[in-house]
Amino acid sequence: MNHRFQCQCGQLVGEVAHTRSAIHAICYCRDCQAYAHHLGQADATLDALAGTEVVGTHARNVSFSSGIDQLACLSLSEGGLLRWYARCCNTPLANTGRDWRMPYVGLVHLCLRAGGAPLVPAFVPLQMHLETASAQGTPPRTGWSQLRALLGFMPRIAAARFTGSFRRTPFFTATGVPVVAVRVLTAAERERAMAAV
């Protein structure tokens, strides 16, 4: 069964397929924190330890059904992750790499909880705590569950280079170019966002 996602104002709507094959994590990295602050969504996105809950999946499992004209993309730096959001209400949606041949998509929990829908049981329970050194406190330890999740998930993503399944993505064109222009934060914008972390 597919899981609906949407931005906070409801203009941009989509679905995630094969939800039980996704991985479920909280990332505490400074870049994710800065991204939330830049969009003005820190209170809604970051948990008590400044972590962002994400569901990782293959790009082919993500589709948009309406409001694609509201899709926007920014990056904190020239070589940084592509961070996709809804321009209508600044809802963070997803993170991807710049190389479409590695079709990992990290969907931000804020858009996945449309209408108050819980992430579990649609997705697997929380498996990983990432970049914990940047947490504002001490996150729980995940140990072997984190390793098992990565060993099961990453080979499937890496195999996309050889199978060609990376081409099935709503975030890149048929030639591997992002579907919307990527805006890289200026040095001043990045400094302000990092200072808020």
N, C-alpha and C. Protein backbone atom coordinates (compact mmCIF):
# COMPACT_ATOMS: atom_id res chain seq x y z
N MET A 1 0.84 -1.19 0.00
CA MET A 1 0.00 0.00 0.00
C MET A 1 0.88 1.25 0.00
N ASN A 2 0.51 2.25 -0.79
CA ASN A 2 1.28 3.47 -0.87
C ASN A 2 0.97 4.40 0.31
N HIS A 3 1.94 5.22 0.65
CA HIS A 3 1.79 6.18 1.75
C HIS A 3 1.78 7.59 1.16
N ARG A 4 0.75 8.34 1.48
CA ARG A 4 0.60 9.70 0.97
C ARG A 4 1.54 10.65 1.72
N PHE A 5 2.10 11.61 1.00
CA PHE A 5 2.81 12.71 1.65
C PHE A 5 2.35 14.03 1.03
N GLN A 6 2.54 15.11 1.77
CA GLN A 6 2.18 16.41 1.25
C GLN A 6 2.89 17.50 2.04
N CYS A 7 2.93 18.69 1.46
CA CYS A 7 3.48 19.84 2.18
C CYS A 7 2.46 20.29 3.22
N GLN A 8 2.85 21.20 4.08
CA GLN A 8 1.99 21.61 5.18
C GLN A 8 0.72 22.31 4.73
N CYS A 9 0.78 23.02 3.61
CA CYS A 9 -0.43 23.72 3.16
C CYS A 9 -1.26 22.87 2.20
N GLY A 10 -0.73 21.72 1.79
CA GLY A 10 -1.49 20.78 0.96
C GLY A 10 -1.44 21.02 -0.52
N GLN A 11 -0.63 21.97 -0.99
CA GLN A 11 -0.58 22.22 -2.43
C GLN A 11 0.22 21.17 -3.18
N LEU A 12 1.27 20.66 -2.56
CA LEU A 12 2.11 19.64 -3.21
C LEU A 12 1.83 18.30 -2.54
N VAL A 13 1.44 17.31 -3.36
CA VAL A 13 1.02 16.01 -2.84
C VAL A 13 1.72 14.90 -3.62
N GLY A 14 2.04 13.82 -2.94
CA GLY A 14 2.65 12.68 -3.61
C GLY A 14 2.44 11.40 -2.83
N GLU A 15 3.12 10.35 -3.28
CA GLU A 15 3.02 9.04 -2.64
C GLU A 15 4.37 8.34 -2.60
N VAL A 16 4.53 7.49 -1.61
CA VAL A 16 5.70 6.62 -1.50
C VAL A 16 5.22 5.18 -1.62
N ALA A 17 5.82 4.43 -2.53
CA ALA A 17 5.48 3.01 -2.70
C ALA A 17 6.52 2.14 -1.98
N HIS A 18 6.18 0.89 -1.80
CA HIS A 18 7.08 -0.10 -1.19
C HIS A 18 7.65 0.41 0.13
N THR A 19 6.77 0.88 0.99
CA THR A 19 7.20 1.54 2.22
C THR A 19 7.96 0.62 3.17
N ARG A 20 7.67 -0.66 3.15
CA ARG A 20 8.32 -1.58 4.09
C ARG A 20 9.76 -1.89 3.69
N SER A 21 10.17 -1.51 2.49
CA SER A 21 11.56 -1.72 2.07
C SER A 21 12.43 -0.50 2.38
N ALA A 22 11.83 0.54 2.93
CA ALA A 22 12.58 1.76 3.26
C ALA A 22 13.33 1.58 4.57
N ILE A 23 14.25 2.51 4.83
CA ILE A 23 14.94 2.53 6.12
C ILE A 23 14.47 3.77 6.88
N HIS A 24 14.61 3.74 8.19
CA HIS A 24 14.02 4.77 9.05
C HIS A 24 15.10 5.24 10.03
N ALA A 25 15.40 6.54 9.99
CA ALA A 25 16.53 7.05 10.78
C ALA A 25 16.25 8.45 11.30
N ILE A 26 17.09 8.87 12.23
CA ILE A 26 17.13 10.26 12.66
C ILE A 26 18.55 10.77 12.42
N CYS A 27 18.67 11.88 11.71
CA CYS A 27 19.98 12.46 11.41
C CYS A 27 20.16 13.74 12.23
N TYR A 28 21.30 13.83 12.89
CA TYR A 28 21.59 14.99 13.74
C TYR A 28 22.66 15.90 13.15
N CYS A 29 23.00 15.73 11.89
CA CYS A 29 24.11 16.50 11.32
C CYS A 29 23.79 17.99 11.32
N ARG A 30 24.85 18.79 11.35
CA ARG A 30 24.69 20.25 11.38
C ARG A 30 24.04 20.77 10.11
N ASP A 31 24.28 20.11 8.97
CA ASP A 31 23.68 20.56 7.73
C ASP A 31 22.16 20.40 7.75
N CYS A 32 21.68 19.27 8.26
CA CYS A 32 20.23 19.08 8.35
C CYS A 32 19.61 20.11 9.30
N GLN A 33 20.32 20.41 10.37
CA GLN A 33 19.83 21.42 11.30
C GLN A 33 19.81 22.80 10.64
N ALA A 34 20.87 23.13 9.92
CA ALA A 34 20.95 24.42 9.24
C ALA A 34 19.86 24.56 8.18
N TYR A 35 19.60 23.47 7.46
CA TYR A 35 18.55 23.46 6.44
C TYR A 35 17.19 23.78 7.05
N ALA A 36 16.88 23.15 8.16
CA ALA A 36 15.61 23.40 8.84
C ALA A 36 15.51 24.86 9.30
N HIS A 37 16.59 25.38 9.82
CA HIS A 37 16.60 26.79 10.26
C HIS A 37 16.45 27.74 9.07
N HIS A 38 17.14 27.44 7.97
CA HIS A 38 17.05 28.31 6.80
C HIS A 38 15.62 28.41 6.28
N LEU A 39 14.90 27.29 6.30
CA LEU A 39 13.51 27.30 5.82
C LEU A 39 12.53 27.87 6.85
N GLY A 40 13.02 28.15 8.06
CA GLY A 40 12.13 28.61 9.11
C GLY A 40 11.27 27.50 9.67
N GLN A 41 11.76 26.25 9.56
CA GLN A 41 10.97 25.08 9.96
C GLN A 41 11.64 24.29 11.08
N ALA A 42 12.54 24.91 11.81
CA ALA A 42 13.27 24.18 12.85
C ALA A 42 12.34 23.60 13.91
N ASP A 43 11.38 24.38 14.36
CA ASP A 43 10.47 23.90 15.42
C ASP A 43 9.65 22.70 14.96
N ALA A 44 9.27 22.69 13.70
CA ALA A 44 8.43 21.60 13.18
C ALA A 44 9.25 20.39 12.74
N THR A 45 10.52 20.61 12.39
CA THR A 45 11.33 19.55 11.79
C THR A 45 12.25 18.86 12.78
N LEU A 46 12.88 19.63 13.67
CA LEU A 46 13.89 19.09 14.56
C LEU A 46 13.28 18.59 15.86
N ASP A 47 13.76 17.46 16.35
CA ASP A 47 13.27 16.94 17.62
C ASP A 47 14.02 17.59 18.79
N ALA A 48 13.81 17.11 19.98
CA ALA A 48 14.40 17.72 21.17
C ALA A 48 15.92 17.68 21.17
N LEU A 49 16.50 16.75 20.41
CA LEU A 49 17.96 16.64 20.33
C LEU A 49 18.50 17.23 19.02
N ALA A 50 17.65 17.98 18.31
CA ALA A 50 18.00 18.64 17.04
C ALA A 50 18.17 17.64 15.90
N GLY A 51 17.47 16.53 15.98
CA GLY A 51 17.52 15.55 14.90
C GLY A 51 16.36 15.67 13.94
N THR A 52 16.59 15.26 12.70
CA THR A 52 15.55 15.22 11.68
C THR A 52 15.22 13.77 11.36
N GLU A 53 13.97 13.38 11.54
CA GLU A 53 13.55 12.01 11.24
C GLU A 53 13.33 11.87 9.74
N VAL A 54 13.97 10.87 9.15
CA VAL A 54 13.87 10.66 7.71
C VAL A 54 13.58 9.20 7.39
N VAL A 55 12.94 9.00 6.26
CA VAL A 55 12.71 7.67 5.72
C VAL A 55 13.47 7.60 4.40
N GLY A 56 14.39 6.66 4.30
CA GLY A 56 15.20 6.52 3.09
C GLY A 56 14.64 5.47 2.17
N THR A 57 14.57 5.79 0.88
CA THR A 57 14.03 4.84 -0.09
C THR A 57 14.67 5.08 -1.45
N HIS A 58 14.34 4.24 -2.41
CA HIS A 58 14.79 4.38 -3.80
C HIS A 58 13.92 5.46 -4.47
N ALA A 59 14.54 6.30 -5.28
CA ALA A 59 13.80 7.39 -5.93
C ALA A 59 12.62 6.90 -6.75
N ARG A 60 12.71 5.68 -7.30
CA ARG A 60 11.61 5.18 -8.13
C ARG A 60 10.34 4.95 -7.31
N ASN A 61 10.47 4.90 -5.99
CA ASN A 61 9.30 4.68 -5.13
C ASN A 61 8.55 5.97 -4.81
N VAL A 62 9.08 7.11 -5.25
CA VAL A 62 8.48 8.41 -4.93
C VAL A 62 7.82 8.98 -6.18
N SER A 63 6.61 9.50 -6.02
CA SER A 63 5.91 10.14 -7.14
C SER A 63 5.13 11.34 -6.63
N PHE A 64 4.97 12.32 -7.49
CA PHE A 64 4.16 13.50 -7.17
C PHE A 64 2.86 13.41 -7.95
N SER A 65 1.74 13.71 -7.30
CA SER A 65 0.45 13.63 -7.97
C SER A 65 -0.15 15.00 -8.26
N SER A 66 0.24 16.02 -7.50
CA SER A 66 -0.23 17.38 -7.78
C SER A 66 0.70 18.39 -7.12
N GLY A 67 0.67 19.60 -7.65
CA GLY A 67 1.45 20.68 -7.09
C GLY A 67 2.93 20.65 -7.41
N ILE A 68 3.31 19.94 -8.48
CA ILE A 68 4.73 19.84 -8.82
C ILE A 68 5.34 21.20 -9.12
N ASP A 69 4.50 22.16 -9.49
CA ASP A 69 5.00 23.52 -9.74
C ASP A 69 5.51 24.19 -8.46
N GLN A 70 5.18 23.61 -7.31
CA GLN A 70 5.65 24.16 -6.03
C GLN A 70 6.97 23.53 -5.57
N LEU A 71 7.48 22.56 -6.33
CA LEU A 71 8.72 21.90 -5.95
C LEU A 71 9.90 22.84 -6.16
N ALA A 72 10.75 22.94 -5.16
CA ALA A 72 11.94 23.79 -5.23
C ALA A 72 13.12 23.02 -4.65
N CYS A 73 14.32 23.50 -4.92
CA CYS A 73 15.52 22.80 -4.47
C CYS A 73 16.60 23.79 -4.10
N LEU A 74 17.27 23.51 -3.00
CA LEU A 74 18.43 24.32 -2.60
C LEU A 74 19.54 23.40 -2.15
N SER A 75 20.72 23.98 -2.04
CA SER A 75 21.87 23.26 -1.52
C SER A 75 22.64 24.22 -0.63
N LEU A 76 23.17 23.71 0.47
CA LEU A 76 23.90 24.57 1.39
C LEU A 76 25.25 24.99 0.82
N SER A 77 25.77 24.22 -0.14
CA SER A 77 27.06 24.53 -0.75
C SER A 77 27.09 24.00 -2.17
N GLU A 78 28.11 24.35 -2.92
CA GLU A 78 28.21 23.95 -4.33
C GLU A 78 28.21 22.43 -4.51
N GLY A 79 28.80 21.72 -3.57
CA GLY A 79 28.87 20.27 -3.70
C GLY A 79 27.97 19.52 -2.74
N GLY A 80 27.12 20.24 -2.01
CA GLY A 80 26.29 19.62 -0.98
C GLY A 80 25.10 18.87 -1.52
N LEU A 81 24.41 18.19 -0.61
CA LEU A 81 23.19 17.47 -0.98
C LEU A 81 22.17 18.41 -1.61
N LEU A 82 21.31 17.85 -2.44
CA LEU A 82 20.18 18.60 -2.96
C LEU A 82 19.04 18.44 -1.96
N ARG A 83 18.51 19.56 -1.52
CA ARG A 83 17.48 19.56 -0.48
C ARG A 83 16.19 20.12 -1.09
N TRP A 84 15.22 19.24 -1.26
CA TRP A 84 13.99 19.55 -1.96
C TRP A 84 12.93 19.98 -0.95
N TYR A 85 12.17 21.02 -1.32
CA TYR A 85 11.13 21.53 -0.43
C TYR A 85 9.98 22.11 -1.25
N ALA A 86 8.87 22.39 -0.58
CA ALA A 86 7.71 23.01 -1.23
C ALA A 86 7.80 24.51 -1.03
N ARG A 87 7.92 25.25 -2.12
CA ARG A 87 8.10 26.70 -2.03
C ARG A 87 6.87 27.41 -1.47
N CYS A 88 5.70 26.79 -1.60
CA CYS A 88 4.46 27.41 -1.15
C CYS A 88 4.43 27.64 0.36
N CYS A 89 5.03 26.73 1.12
CA CYS A 89 4.98 26.84 2.58
C CYS A 89 6.30 26.45 3.26
N ASN A 90 7.36 26.31 2.44
CA ASN A 90 8.70 25.98 2.94
C ASN A 90 8.75 24.66 3.71
N THR A 91 7.93 23.70 3.30
CA THR A 91 7.99 22.39 3.93
C THR A 91 9.17 21.59 3.36
N PRO A 92 10.10 21.14 4.21
CA PRO A 92 11.17 20.27 3.71
C PRO A 92 10.59 18.93 3.29
N LEU A 93 10.98 18.46 2.11
CA LEU A 93 10.42 17.22 1.58
C LEU A 93 11.42 16.08 1.55
N ALA A 94 12.58 16.32 0.96
CA ALA A 94 13.52 15.21 0.72
C ALA A 94 14.93 15.71 0.50
N ASN A 95 15.87 14.81 0.69
CA ASN A 95 17.28 15.06 0.38
C ASN A 95 17.73 14.01 -0.62
N THR A 96 18.49 14.44 -1.63
CA THR A 96 19.09 13.50 -2.58
C THR A 96 20.54 13.91 -2.80
N GLY A 97 21.31 12.99 -3.36
CA GLY A 97 22.64 13.35 -3.81
C GLY A 97 22.56 14.12 -5.11
N ARG A 98 23.69 14.59 -5.57
CA ARG A 98 23.72 15.33 -6.85
C ARG A 98 23.83 14.39 -8.04
N ASP A 99 24.31 13.18 -7.82
CA ASP A 99 24.46 12.20 -8.89
C ASP A 99 23.23 11.30 -8.91
N TRP A 100 22.42 11.41 -9.94
CA TRP A 100 21.16 10.66 -9.99
C TRP A 100 21.38 9.16 -10.09
N ARG A 101 22.61 8.74 -10.40
CA ARG A 101 22.89 7.30 -10.49
C ARG A 101 22.94 6.63 -9.12
N MET A 102 22.93 7.41 -8.06
CA MET A 102 22.82 6.88 -6.70
C MET A 102 21.48 7.38 -6.16
N PRO A 103 20.39 6.64 -6.46
CA PRO A 103 19.03 7.17 -6.28
C PRO A 103 18.46 7.09 -4.88
N TYR A 104 19.30 7.35 -3.88
CA TYR A 104 18.80 7.40 -2.51
C TYR A 104 18.00 8.69 -2.32
N VAL A 105 16.85 8.58 -1.68
CA VAL A 105 16.03 9.73 -1.32
C VAL A 105 15.70 9.63 0.16
N GLY A 106 16.03 10.66 0.92
CA GLY A 106 15.67 10.71 2.33
C GLY A 106 14.48 11.63 2.51
N LEU A 107 13.32 11.07 2.74
CA LEU A 107 12.09 11.85 2.88
C LEU A 107 11.94 12.34 4.32
N VAL A 108 11.71 13.63 4.48
CA VAL A 108 11.62 14.23 5.81
C VAL A 108 10.24 13.94 6.42
N HIS A 109 10.25 13.60 7.69
CA HIS A 109 9.02 13.15 8.38
C HIS A 109 7.88 14.16 8.29
N LEU A 110 8.19 15.44 8.21
CA LEU A 110 7.15 16.47 8.25
C LEU A 110 6.13 16.28 7.12
N CYS A 111 6.61 15.92 5.94
CA CYS A 111 5.68 15.73 4.82
C CYS A 111 5.01 14.35 4.86
N LEU A 112 5.64 13.40 5.56
CA LEU A 112 5.09 12.04 5.61
C LEU A 112 3.96 11.89 6.62
N ARG A 113 3.82 12.85 7.50
CA ARG A 113 2.79 12.76 8.54
C ARG A 113 1.52 13.53 8.13
N ALA A 114 1.22 13.53 6.85
CA ALA A 114 0.05 14.24 6.33
C ALA A 114 -1.22 13.80 7.06
N GLY A 115 -1.96 14.76 7.56
CA GLY A 115 -3.20 14.45 8.27
C GLY A 115 -2.98 13.72 9.58
N GLY A 116 -1.76 13.82 10.10
CA GLY A 116 -1.45 13.16 11.37
C GLY A 116 -1.15 11.69 11.24
N ALA A 117 -0.94 11.20 10.00
CA ALA A 117 -0.67 9.78 9.79
C ALA A 117 0.64 9.38 10.46
N PRO A 118 0.66 8.29 11.21
CA PRO A 118 1.90 7.84 11.85
C PRO A 118 2.84 7.22 10.81
N LEU A 119 4.13 7.21 11.10
CA LEU A 119 5.08 6.58 10.18
C LEU A 119 5.10 5.06 10.35
N VAL A 120 4.82 4.60 11.55
CA VAL A 120 4.73 3.16 11.81
C VAL A 120 3.26 2.83 12.06
N PRO A 121 2.69 1.82 11.41
CA PRO A 121 3.34 0.69 10.75
C PRO A 121 3.57 0.84 9.25
N ALA A 122 3.25 1.99 8.63
CA ALA A 122 3.47 2.12 7.19
C ALA A 122 4.95 1.87 6.85
N PHE A 123 5.84 2.43 7.68
CA PHE A 123 7.27 2.22 7.52
C PHE A 123 7.78 1.40 8.70
N VAL A 124 8.98 0.86 8.56
CA VAL A 124 9.56 0.08 9.64
C VAL A 124 9.86 1.00 10.83
N PRO A 125 9.93 0.45 12.04
CA PRO A 125 10.29 1.27 13.20
C PRO A 125 11.68 1.89 13.04
N LEU A 126 11.96 2.88 13.84
CA LEU A 126 13.24 3.58 13.81
C LEU A 126 14.40 2.60 13.94
N GLN A 127 15.37 2.72 13.03
CA GLN A 127 16.50 1.78 13.00
C GLN A 127 17.85 2.44 13.30
N MET A 128 17.98 3.73 12.99
CA MET A 128 19.32 4.34 13.04
C MET A 128 19.30 5.75 13.63
N HIS A 129 20.39 6.09 14.27
CA HIS A 129 20.67 7.46 14.72
C HIS A 129 21.99 7.84 14.08
N LEU A 130 21.97 8.85 13.20
CA LEU A 130 23.14 9.21 12.40
C LEU A 130 23.74 10.54 12.84
N GLU A 131 25.05 10.68 12.67
CA GLU A 131 25.76 11.93 12.98
C GLU A 131 25.46 12.38 14.41
N THR A 132 25.53 11.47 15.34
CA THR A 132 25.13 11.76 16.72
C THR A 132 26.03 12.75 17.43
N ALA A 133 27.24 12.97 16.92
CA ALA A 133 28.15 13.92 17.55
C ALA A 133 27.60 15.35 17.50
N SER A 134 26.69 15.62 16.56
CA SER A 134 26.10 16.96 16.43
C SER A 134 24.76 17.08 17.15
N ALA A 135 24.34 16.03 17.83
CA ALA A 135 23.07 16.08 18.56
C ALA A 135 23.20 17.01 19.77
N GLN A 136 22.12 17.62 20.14
CA GLN A 136 22.09 18.48 21.32
C GLN A 136 21.62 17.65 22.51
N GLY A 137 22.46 16.70 22.87
CA GLY A 137 22.14 15.73 23.91
C GLY A 137 22.69 14.38 23.51
N THR A 138 22.25 13.33 24.15
CA THR A 138 22.75 11.98 23.87
C THR A 138 21.63 11.10 23.32
N PRO A 139 21.67 10.83 22.01
CA PRO A 139 20.63 9.97 21.41
C PRO A 139 20.80 8.52 21.86
N PRO A 140 19.75 7.73 21.74
CA PRO A 140 19.87 6.29 22.04
C PRO A 140 20.85 5.64 21.08
N ARG A 141 21.43 4.55 21.51
CA ARG A 141 22.34 3.79 20.64
C ARG A 141 21.54 2.74 19.88
N THR A 142 21.85 2.60 18.59
CA THR A 142 21.11 1.64 17.78
C THR A 142 21.92 0.38 17.47
N GLY A 143 23.22 0.45 17.53
CA GLY A 143 24.08 -0.73 17.42
C GLY A 143 23.86 -1.56 16.18
N TRP A 144 23.59 -2.87 16.40
CA TRP A 144 23.51 -3.82 15.29
C TRP A 144 22.33 -3.56 14.37
N SER A 145 21.25 -2.99 14.88
CA SER A 145 20.09 -2.74 14.01
C SER A 145 20.46 -1.75 12.91
N GLN A 146 21.33 -0.79 13.23
CA GLN A 146 21.78 0.19 12.24
C GLN A 146 22.61 -0.50 11.16
N LEU A 147 23.53 -1.35 11.56
CA LEU A 147 24.36 -2.05 10.60
C LEU A 147 23.53 -2.97 9.72
N ARG A 148 22.61 -3.70 10.31
CA ARG A 148 21.75 -4.61 9.54
C ARG A 148 20.92 -3.83 8.51
N ALA A 149 20.39 -2.69 8.93
CA ALA A 149 19.57 -1.89 8.01
C ALA A 149 20.39 -1.40 6.82
N LEU A 150 21.59 -0.92 7.09
CA LEU A 150 22.44 -0.42 6.01
C LEU A 150 22.89 -1.53 5.08
N LEU A 151 23.24 -2.69 5.64
CA LEU A 151 23.68 -3.81 4.82
C LEU A 151 22.57 -4.34 3.92
N GLY A 152 21.33 -4.19 4.36
CA GLY A 152 20.21 -4.63 3.54
C GLY A 152 19.79 -3.62 2.50
N PHE A 153 19.98 -2.34 2.83
CA PHE A 153 19.46 -1.27 1.98
C PHE A 153 20.46 -0.77 0.93
N MET A 154 21.69 -0.47 1.33
CA MET A 154 22.63 0.18 0.43
C MET A 154 23.00 -0.64 -0.80
N PRO A 155 23.15 -1.96 -0.72
CA PRO A 155 23.42 -2.70 -1.96
C PRO A 155 22.34 -2.54 -3.01
N ARG A 156 21.07 -2.44 -2.57
CA ARG A 156 19.98 -2.24 -3.54
C ARG A 156 20.08 -0.89 -4.22
N ILE A 157 20.49 0.13 -3.47
CA ILE A 157 20.65 1.46 -4.05
C ILE A 157 21.84 1.49 -5.00
N ALA A 158 22.95 0.89 -4.56
CA ALA A 158 24.16 0.87 -5.39
C ALA A 158 23.93 0.10 -6.69
N ALA A 159 23.11 -0.95 -6.64
CA ALA A 159 22.86 -1.78 -7.83
C ALA A 159 22.12 -1.01 -8.91
N ALA A 160 21.48 0.11 -8.54
CA ALA A 160 20.72 0.89 -9.51
C ALA A 160 21.60 1.41 -10.64
N ARG A 161 22.89 1.60 -10.38
CA ARG A 161 23.82 2.04 -11.42
C ARG A 161 23.89 1.01 -12.54
N PHE A 162 23.79 -0.25 -12.19
CA PHE A 162 23.97 -1.32 -13.16
C PHE A 162 22.65 -1.75 -13.81
N THR A 163 21.57 -1.65 -13.06
CA THR A 163 20.26 -2.05 -13.61
C THR A 163 19.59 -0.94 -14.40
N GLY A 164 20.04 0.30 -14.17
CA GLY A 164 19.43 1.44 -14.85
C GLY A 164 18.19 1.96 -14.16
N SER A 165 17.83 1.38 -13.01
CA SER A 165 16.60 1.82 -12.33
C SER A 165 16.72 3.23 -11.75
N PHE A 166 17.94 3.76 -11.68
CA PHE A 166 18.12 5.13 -11.20
C PHE A 166 17.42 6.15 -12.09
N ARG A 167 17.13 5.77 -13.33
CA ARG A 167 16.49 6.69 -14.27
C ARG A 167 15.02 6.97 -13.91
N ARG A 168 14.44 6.13 -13.08
CA ARG A 168 13.04 6.31 -12.68
C ARG A 168 13.01 7.18 -11.42
N THR A 169 12.99 8.47 -11.62
CA THR A 169 13.04 9.41 -10.51
C THR A 169 12.24 10.67 -10.82
N PRO A 170 11.52 11.21 -9.85
CA PRO A 170 10.79 12.45 -10.08
C PRO A 170 11.66 13.70 -9.85
N PHE A 171 12.91 13.49 -9.45
CA PHE A 171 13.76 14.62 -9.08
C PHE A 171 14.74 15.03 -10.18
N PHE A 172 14.93 14.17 -11.19
CA PHE A 172 15.87 14.46 -12.26
C PHE A 172 15.22 14.21 -13.61
N THR A 173 15.69 14.93 -14.62
CA THR A 173 15.21 14.73 -15.99
C THR A 173 15.83 13.46 -16.57
N ALA A 174 15.45 13.15 -17.80
CA ALA A 174 15.95 11.95 -18.47
C ALA A 174 17.44 12.02 -18.75
N THR A 175 18.02 13.20 -18.61
CA THR A 175 19.47 13.36 -18.81
C THR A 175 20.22 13.58 -17.49
N GLY A 176 19.52 13.41 -16.37
CA GLY A 176 20.19 13.50 -15.09
C GLY A 176 20.32 14.90 -14.52
N VAL A 177 19.55 15.83 -15.05
CA VAL A 177 19.57 17.21 -14.55
C VAL A 177 18.42 17.40 -13.57
N PRO A 178 18.63 18.08 -12.45
CA PRO A 178 17.52 18.32 -11.52
C PRO A 178 16.33 18.95 -12.24
N VAL A 179 15.11 18.54 -11.88
CA VAL A 179 13.91 19.00 -12.59
C VAL A 179 13.60 20.47 -12.33
N VAL A 180 14.19 21.04 -11.30
CA VAL A 180 14.08 22.48 -11.06
C VAL A 180 15.48 23.03 -10.80
N ALA A 181 15.65 24.32 -11.00
CA ALA A 181 16.96 24.93 -10.77
C ALA A 181 17.35 24.81 -9.30
N VAL A 182 18.60 24.49 -9.06
CA VAL A 182 19.11 24.36 -7.70
C VAL A 182 19.69 25.71 -7.26
N ARG A 183 19.18 26.22 -6.14
CA ARG A 183 19.73 27.48 -5.61
C ARG A 183 20.71 27.15 -4.49
N VAL A 184 21.95 27.56 -4.69
CA VAL A 184 22.98 27.36 -3.67
C VAL A 184 22.97 28.57 -2.74
N LEU A 185 22.93 28.32 -1.47
CA LEU A 185 22.92 29.43 -0.51
C LEU A 185 24.15 30.29 -0.66
N THR A 186 23.98 31.58 -0.48
CA THR A 186 25.13 32.47 -0.46
C THR A 186 25.92 32.22 0.82
N ALA A 187 27.15 32.73 0.85
CA ALA A 187 27.98 32.55 2.05
C ALA A 187 27.30 33.15 3.27
N ALA A 188 26.64 34.30 3.08
CA ALA A 188 25.96 34.95 4.20
C ALA A 188 24.76 34.13 4.68
N GLU A 189 24.00 33.57 3.74
CA GLU A 189 22.85 32.74 4.11
C GLU A 189 23.29 31.49 4.85
N ARG A 190 24.34 30.87 4.35
CA ARG A 190 24.85 29.66 5.00
C ARG A 190 25.36 29.99 6.40
N GLU A 191 26.05 31.10 6.53
CA GLU A 191 26.57 31.49 7.84
C GLU A 191 25.44 31.72 8.84
N ARG A 192 24.37 32.38 8.40
CA ARG A 192 23.23 32.63 9.28
C ARG A 192 22.57 31.31 9.69
N ALA A 193 22.42 30.40 8.74
CA ALA A 193 21.78 29.12 9.03
C ALA A 193 22.63 28.31 10.02
N MET A 194 23.94 28.30 9.81
CA MET A 194 24.83 27.55 10.69
C MET A 194 24.87 28.18 12.09
N ALA A 195 24.80 29.50 12.14
CA ALA A 195 24.84 30.18 13.42
C ALA A 195 23.62 29.87 14.27
N ALA A 196 22.50 29.51 13.59
CA ALA A 196 21.27 29.19 14.31
C ALA A 196 21.29 27.79 14.89
N VAL A 197 22.23 26.96 14.44
CA VAL A 197 22.32 25.57 14.90
C VAL A 197 22.78 25.52 16.35
